[in-house]
C-alpha atoms as a PDB file:
ATOM      1  CA  MET A   1      -5.527 -40.353   1.089  1.00  0.00           C
ATOM      2  CA  LEU A   2      -7.928 -42.934   2.647  1.00  0.00           C
ATOM      3  CA  PHE A   3      -4.559 -45.067   2.746  1.00  0.00           C
ATOM      4  CA  LEU A   4      -3.088 -43.019   4.855  1.00  0.00           C
ATOM      5  CA  VAL A   5      -5.687 -42.078   7.499  1.00  0.00           C
ATOM      6  CA  ALA A   6      -5.418 -46.933   7.509  1.00  0.00           C
ATOM      7  CA  ALA A   7      -1.600 -46.334   8.087  1.00  0.00           C
ATOM      8  CA  LEU A   8      -2.152 -44.075  11.043  1.00  0.00           C
ATOM      9  CA  LEU A   9      -5.211 -46.710  11.887  1.00  0.00           C
ATOM     10  CA  LEU A  10      -2.670 -50.019  12.102  1.00  0.00           C
ATOM     11  CA  LEU A  11       0.084 -47.636  13.763  1.00  0.00           C
ATOM     12  CA  GLY A  12      -2.129 -46.036  16.115  1.00  0.00           C
ATOM     13  CA  PHE A  13      -3.371 -50.433  16.860  1.00  0.00           C
ATOM     14  CA  ALA A  14       0.048 -51.817  17.227  1.00  0.00           C
ATOM     15  CA  LEU A  15       1.384 -48.824  18.953  1.00  0.00           C
ATOM     16  CA  GLY A  16      -1.359 -49.659  22.224  1.00  0.00           C
ATOM     17  CA  THR A  17      -0.700 -53.147  21.743  1.00  0.00           C
ATOM     18  CA  VAL A  18       3.174 -52.659  22.380  1.00  0.00           C
ATOM     19  CA  ALA A  19       2.558 -51.056  25.123  1.00  0.00           C
ATOM     20  CA  HIS A  20       0.840 -53.072  27.057  1.00  0.00           C
ATOM     21  CA  ALA A  21       3.092 -56.238  26.046  1.00  0.00           C
ATOM     22  CA  PRO A  22       6.371 -57.443  27.981  1.00  0.00           C
ATOM     23  CA  LEU A  23       9.375 -55.083  27.262  1.00  0.00           C
ATOM     24  CA  SER A  24      11.792 -57.891  26.434  1.00  0.00           C
ATOM     25  CA  PHE A  25       8.922 -60.283  24.426  1.00  0.00           C
ATOM     26  CA  THR A  26       8.940 -55.849  22.627  1.00  0.00           C
ATOM     27  CA  LEU A  27      12.383 -56.165  21.957  1.00  0.00           C
ATOM     28  CA  VAL A  28      12.581 -59.332  20.821  1.00  0.00           C
ATOM     29  CA  ALA A  29       9.667 -58.344  18.535  1.00  0.00           C
ATOM     30  CA  ALA A  30      11.811 -55.249  17.520  1.00  0.00           C
ATOM     31  CA  GLY A  31      15.338 -57.376  16.932  1.00  0.00           C
ATOM     32  CA  VAL A  32      14.189 -59.498  14.277  1.00  0.00           C
ATOM     33  CA  ILE A  33      12.037 -56.568  12.626  1.00  0.00           C
ATOM     34  CA  ALA A  34      15.660 -55.583  12.123  1.00  0.00           C
ATOM     35  CA  VAL A  35      16.987 -58.261  10.906  1.00  0.00           C
ATOM     36  CA  TRP A  36      14.470 -59.464   8.499  1.00  0.00           C
ATOM     37  CA  LEU A  37      14.513 -55.305   7.166  1.00  0.00           C
ATOM     38  CA  ALA A  38      18.376 -55.999   6.924  1.00  0.00           C
ATOM     39  CA  VAL A  39      17.359 -59.018   5.108  1.00  0.00           C
ATOM     40  CA  PHE A  40      15.670 -57.378   2.774  1.00  0.00           C
ATOM     41  CA  ALA A  41      17.500 -54.382   2.179  1.00  0.00           C
ATOM     42  CA  ALA A  42      20.442 -56.685   1.502  1.00  0.00           C
ATOM     43  CA  ARG A  43      18.443 -58.511  -0.703  1.00  0.00           C
ATOM     44  CA  GLU A  44      17.341 -56.152  -2.703  1.00  0.00           C
ATOM     45  CA  ARG A  45      21.212 -54.428  -2.949  1.00  0.00           C
ATOM     46  CA  HIS A  46      22.383 -57.347  -3.870  1.00  0.00           C
ATOM     47  CA  GLY A  47      20.001 -58.171  -7.191  1.00  0.00           C
ATOM     48  CA  ARG A  48      20.000 -54.313  -8.126  1.00  0.00           C
ATOM     49  CA  ARG A  49      23.800 -54.752  -8.614  1.00  0.00           C
ATOM     50  CA  HIS A  50      23.492 -58.198 -10.126  1.00  0.00           C
ATOM     51  CA  GLN A  51      20.737 -56.146 -12.604  1.00  0.00           C
ATOM     52  CA  HIS A  52      22.383 -55.005 -15.544  1.00  0.00           C
END
């Protein structure tokens, strides 16, 4: 439960920060995060496929 409260507080802080950031910065940051998540997912999938 404490983890959930902390996660919601961090989410609220992040959304508040994004609301005050310029749109171009927000889009670039979102793109960087999306690429990082895609690379992470690909590495995880590749690692599980070859780990018999």
